[in-house]
């Protein structure tokens, strides 16, 4: 039994979604942090494995495929930057292309810049807010793929009738075409993109575009938490915009 299973209460284990969502490696030399983070991830349906130092994290990530790596900056036998550099430089590593997030009890601006330059999609300052961690994972890995791109029932409930729903979806389609064409430009000014995401979430609610609304919320939180705009997060959002546009196109 690993750290996660040992410290998860029975009632929490019983409500975990049986559908495997994503595999996350939590690497930290502090046992309490490992237990806390991995347990929190499991309650949200993630499959969490743990490592207690850099060497163990590297070995696991080389042999097993993880969707995301949560790496502490200061660990015996290799911190986050060293572990990620070794993985990215190893073509045979199973998790070579996994999304990487760095954790640290101290996260000054200079370290944030250095971690971004090293290829980290985001940072998590300890002690962390679990909501922040989950939003960062959603921004970079994507939201629940079991959700429908367009939910007619939710849209009809919000709009009241099919005619209004169709009209609002037409407006949303035009908005998404314009957003997709200007997304890279907007990303250069995070505050402007946050404002656009805020407006988009409202439109998604009326149109039943649940998945896009959740992805917009995750990206907005990711930016507002000071992560900047990671390419992985922007790419995931772009995918959802394109999927929603396709669903809205007659």
Protein backbone atom coordinates (compact mmCIF):
# COMPACT_ATOMS: atom_id res chain seq x y z
CA UNK A 1 0.00 0.00 0.00
CA UNK A 2 1.42 3.43 -0.98
CA UNK A 3 1.33 6.69 0.98
CA UNK A 4 -1.89 7.77 -0.70
CA UNK A 5 -3.84 4.64 0.14
CA UNK A 6 -2.52 4.43 3.68
CA UNK A 7 -3.69 7.92 4.65
CA UNK A 8 -6.95 8.14 2.68
CA UNK A 9 -10.00 7.71 4.92
CA UNK A 10 -12.38 4.90 3.93
CA UNK A 11 -15.24 7.28 3.18
CA UNK A 12 -13.05 9.25 0.76
CA UNK A 13 -11.87 6.13 -1.02
CA UNK A 14 -15.46 5.02 -1.51
CA UNK A 15 -16.49 8.09 -3.49
CA UNK A 16 -13.59 8.18 -5.95
CA UNK A 17 -14.81 8.09 -9.53
CA UNK A 18 -13.86 4.66 -10.91
CA UNK A 19 -13.12 6.18 -14.33
CA UNK A 20 -9.38 6.82 -14.58
CA UNK A 21 -8.84 10.48 -15.44
CA UNK A 22 -5.12 11.21 -15.31
CA UNK A 23 -2.00 9.87 -13.64
CA UNK A 24 0.00 12.26 -11.46
CA UNK A 25 3.39 11.71 -9.82
CA UNK A 26 3.80 13.59 -6.53
CA UNK A 27 7.47 13.91 -5.58
CA UNK A 28 8.39 15.50 -2.25
CA UNK A 29 10.83 14.62 0.52
CA UNK A 30 8.30 15.63 3.18
CA UNK A 31 6.01 12.68 4.00
CA UNK A 32 3.12 14.85 5.19
CA UNK A 33 3.14 16.84 1.95
CA UNK A 34 3.19 13.67 -0.14
CA UNK A 35 0.27 12.24 1.79
CA UNK A 36 -1.78 15.43 1.70
CA UNK A 37 -1.33 16.17 -2.00
CA UNK A 38 -1.77 12.61 -3.24
CA UNK A 39 -4.88 12.09 -1.10
CA UNK A 40 -6.41 15.34 -2.35
CA UNK A 41 -5.77 14.33 -5.95
CA UNK A 42 -7.34 10.94 -5.46
CA UNK A 43 -10.54 12.43 -4.08
CA UNK A 44 -10.87 14.17 -7.46
CA UNK A 45 -10.41 10.96 -9.45
CA UNK A 46 -6.71 11.29 -10.28
CA UNK A 47 -4.41 8.30 -9.94
CA UNK A 48 -1.57 9.49 -7.71
CA UNK A 49 1.81 7.84 -7.23
CA UNK A 50 4.46 9.17 -4.86
CA UNK A 51 8.25 9.54 -4.74
CA UNK A 52 10.34 10.68 -1.79
CA UNK A 53 13.34 12.16 -3.61
CA UNK A 54 14.65 13.16 -7.01
CA UNK A 55 16.19 9.82 -7.87
CA UNK A 56 12.99 7.92 -7.09
CA UNK A 57 10.94 10.45 -9.07
CA UNK A 58 13.24 10.12 -12.08
CA UNK A 59 13.13 6.33 -11.97
CA UNK A 60 9.33 6.23 -11.77
CA UNK A 61 8.87 8.83 -14.52
CA UNK A 62 11.28 6.99 -16.79
CA UNK A 63 9.53 3.65 -16.41
CA UNK A 64 5.88 4.74 -16.12
CA UNK A 65 3.76 7.15 -18.13
CA UNK A 66 2.34 10.02 -16.08
CA UNK A 67 0.17 12.80 -17.42
CA UNK A 68 1.54 15.29 -14.89
CA UNK A 69 4.53 15.58 -12.57
CA UNK A 70 4.29 17.51 -9.31
CA UNK A 71 7.94 18.04 -8.33
CA UNK A 72 9.35 19.72 -5.23
CA UNK A 73 12.13 22.20 -5.99
CA UNK A 74 14.36 20.99 -3.16
CA UNK A 75 14.69 17.23 -2.75
CA UNK A 76 17.62 14.98 -1.89
CA UNK A 77 19.23 13.44 -4.97
CA UNK A 78 17.77 16.01 -7.34
CA UNK A 79 15.24 18.83 -7.23
CA UNK A 80 12.47 19.66 -9.68
CA UNK A 81 14.69 21.34 -12.29
CA UNK A 82 17.22 18.50 -12.31
CA UNK A 83 14.53 15.81 -12.54
CA UNK A 84 12.71 17.51 -15.40
CA UNK A 85 15.91 18.24 -17.34
CA UNK A 86 16.91 14.57 -17.11
CA UNK A 87 13.49 13.41 -18.32
CA UNK A 88 13.26 15.88 -21.18
CA UNK A 89 16.71 14.80 -22.31
CA UNK A 90 15.89 11.07 -22.30
CA UNK A 91 14.02 9.99 -25.47
CA UNK A 92 13.17 6.64 -23.87
CA UNK A 93 11.55 8.11 -20.72
CA UNK A 94 7.89 7.14 -20.55
CA UNK A 95 6.94 10.52 -19.03
CA UNK A 96 9.29 12.64 -21.10
CA UNK A 97 6.43 14.85 -22.36
CA UNK A 98 4.36 14.96 -19.16
CA UNK A 99 3.12 18.32 -17.95
CA UNK A 100 5.39 19.46 -15.10
CA UNK A 101 4.42 21.57 -12.10
CA UNK A 102 6.93 22.73 -9.48
CA UNK A 103 6.25 23.03 -5.76
CA UNK A 104 8.15 25.02 -3.16
CA UNK A 105 7.60 26.66 0.23
CA UNK A 106 9.23 29.79 -1.17
CA UNK A 107 8.36 31.02 -4.65
CA UNK A 108 9.99 34.43 -5.34
CA UNK A 109 9.52 36.03 -8.75
CA UNK A 110 13.03 35.09 -9.86
CA UNK A 111 12.36 31.40 -9.14
CA UNK A 112 9.05 31.52 -11.01
CA UNK A 113 10.84 32.88 -14.07
CA UNK A 114 13.59 30.26 -13.80
CA UNK A 115 11.04 27.44 -13.52
CA UNK A 116 9.11 28.71 -16.54
CA UNK A 117 12.36 28.85 -18.52
CA UNK A 118 13.09 25.27 -17.41
CA UNK A 119 9.81 24.07 -18.93
CA UNK A 120 7.43 24.02 -15.98
CA UNK A 121 3.80 24.74 -16.89
CA UNK A 122 3.00 26.15 -13.46
CA UNK A 123 4.08 26.51 -9.87
CA UNK A 124 2.39 25.56 -6.61
CA UNK A 125 3.47 27.38 -3.46
CA UNK A 126 3.29 25.35 -0.24
CA UNK A 127 1.21 25.24 1.80
CA UNK A 128 -1.04 25.28 -1.24
CA UNK A 129 -4.73 25.73 -1.82
CA UNK A 130 -6.03 22.47 -3.25
CA UNK A 131 -8.43 24.44 -5.42
CA UNK A 132 -5.45 26.21 -6.99
CA UNK A 133 -3.68 22.92 -7.66
CA UNK A 134 -6.79 21.39 -9.23
CA UNK A 135 -7.41 24.42 -11.43
CA UNK A 136 -3.80 24.31 -12.61
CA UNK A 137 -4.12 20.63 -13.48
CA UNK A 138 -7.40 21.27 -15.29
CA UNK A 139 -5.85 24.15 -17.21
CA UNK A 140 -2.94 22.04 -18.42
CA UNK A 141 -4.44 18.54 -18.68
CA UNK A 142 -7.99 19.46 -19.67
CA UNK A 143 -11.36 19.06 -17.96
CA UNK A 144 -13.44 15.90 -17.66
CA UNK A 145 -13.66 14.39 -21.14
CA UNK A 146 -16.90 12.61 -20.25
CA UNK A 147 -18.73 15.94 -20.28
CA UNK A 148 -20.67 16.73 -23.45
CA UNK A 149 -19.34 19.55 -25.61
CA UNK A 150 -22.88 20.91 -25.87
CA UNK A 151 -25.57 20.11 -23.32
CA UNK A 152 -28.98 20.88 -24.85
CA UNK A 153 -30.87 20.20 -21.62
CA UNK A 154 -28.76 22.66 -19.65
CA UNK A 155 -29.07 25.29 -22.37
CA UNK A 156 -32.85 24.93 -22.66
CA UNK A 157 -33.16 25.24 -18.89
CA UNK A 158 -31.12 28.45 -18.96
CA UNK A 159 -32.71 30.04 -22.05
CA UNK A 160 -36.30 28.83 -21.80
CA UNK A 161 -36.94 27.79 -25.39
CA UNK A 162 -35.26 26.35 -28.47
CA UNK A 163 -35.43 29.58 -30.47
CA UNK A 164 -33.57 31.60 -27.85
CA UNK A 165 -31.05 28.78 -27.45
CA UNK A 166 -30.37 28.73 -31.21
CA UNK A 167 -29.96 32.51 -31.33
CA UNK A 168 -27.53 32.58 -28.41
CA UNK A 169 -25.53 29.70 -29.84
CA UNK A 170 -25.21 31.60 -33.09
CA UNK A 171 -23.78 34.56 -31.19
CA UNK A 172 -21.42 32.26 -29.30
CA UNK A 173 -20.19 30.75 -32.55
CA UNK A 174 -19.30 34.20 -33.88
CA UNK A 175 -17.57 35.07 -30.62
CA UNK A 176 -15.49 31.88 -30.73
CA UNK A 177 -14.43 32.46 -34.34
CA UNK A 178 -13.14 35.89 -33.35
CA UNK A 179 -11.53 34.60 -30.15
CA UNK A 180 -9.72 31.80 -31.97
CA UNK A 181 -8.32 34.25 -34.53
CA UNK A 182 -7.01 36.60 -31.83
CA UNK A 183 -6.09 34.13 -29.07
CA UNK A 184 -2.32 34.39 -29.44
CA UNK A 185 -2.52 38.18 -29.51
CA UNK A 186 -4.73 38.28 -26.41
CA UNK A 187 -2.37 35.93 -24.60
CA UNK A 188 0.34 38.60 -24.76
CA UNK A 189 -1.79 40.67 -22.36
CA UNK A 190 -3.00 38.31 -19.62
CA UNK A 191 -5.38 40.85 -18.09
CA UNK A 192 -7.21 41.22 -21.40
CA UNK A 193 -7.47 37.46 -21.80
CA UNK A 194 -8.85 37.09 -18.27
CA UNK A 195 -11.57 39.61 -19.09
CA UNK A 196 -12.44 37.72 -22.29
CA UNK A 197 -12.57 34.43 -20.39
CA UNK A 198 -14.89 35.95 -17.79
CA UNK A 199 -17.33 37.06 -20.50
CA UNK A 200 -17.06 33.74 -22.32
CA UNK A 201 -17.99 31.73 -19.22
CA UNK A 202 -21.33 33.54 -19.02
CA UNK A 203 -22.12 32.82 -22.67
CA UNK A 204 -21.14 29.17 -22.22
CA UNK A 205 -23.58 28.84 -19.36
CA UNK A 206 -26.51 29.99 -21.48
CA UNK A 207 -25.49 27.88 -24.46
CA UNK A 208 -24.82 24.63 -22.61
CA UNK A 209 -21.13 24.70 -23.57
CA UNK A 210 -20.25 23.15 -20.23
CA UNK A 211 -16.82 21.79 -21.08
CA UNK A 212 -15.59 25.02 -22.67
CA UNK A 213 -16.91 26.99 -19.71
CA UNK A 214 -14.98 24.79 -17.29
CA UNK A 215 -11.81 25.04 -19.36
CA UNK A 216 -12.17 28.84 -19.49
CA UNK A 217 -12.60 28.92 -15.71
CA UNK A 218 -9.51 26.76 -15.21
CA UNK A 219 -7.39 28.93 -17.51
CA UNK A 220 -8.63 32.11 -15.83
CA UNK A 221 -7.75 30.77 -12.37
CA UNK A 222 -4.37 29.58 -13.68
CA UNK A 223 -3.55 33.09 -14.90
CA UNK A 224 -4.91 34.88 -11.83
CA UNK A 225 -2.86 32.67 -9.51
CA UNK A 226 0.25 34.21 -11.03
CA UNK A 227 1.26 31.39 -13.34
CA UNK A 228 1.28 33.54 -16.46
CA UNK A 229 -0.04 31.70 -19.50
CA UNK A 230 1.66 28.35 -19.93
CA UNK A 231 1.69 27.00 -23.51
CA UNK A 232 0.10 23.75 -22.27
CA UNK A 233 -2.78 25.66 -20.68
CA UNK A 234 -3.37 27.84 -23.71
CA UNK A 235 -3.20 24.81 -25.98
CA UNK A 236 -5.81 22.93 -23.95
CA UNK A 237 -8.12 25.91 -24.11
CA UNK A 238 -7.65 26.21 -27.86
CA UNK A 239 -8.62 22.54 -28.28
CA UNK A 240 -11.88 23.14 -26.38
CA UNK A 241 -12.68 26.25 -28.42
CA UNK A 242 -12.18 24.29 -31.64
CA UNK A 243 -14.30 21.37 -30.39
CA UNK A 244 -17.12 23.72 -29.37
CA UNK A 245 -16.98 25.53 -32.70
CA UNK A 246 -17.26 22.23 -34.53
CA UNK A 247 -20.29 21.27 -32.42
CA UNK A 248 -21.94 24.65 -33.10
CA UNK A 249 -21.39 24.48 -36.85
CA UNK A 250 -24.48 23.24 -38.73
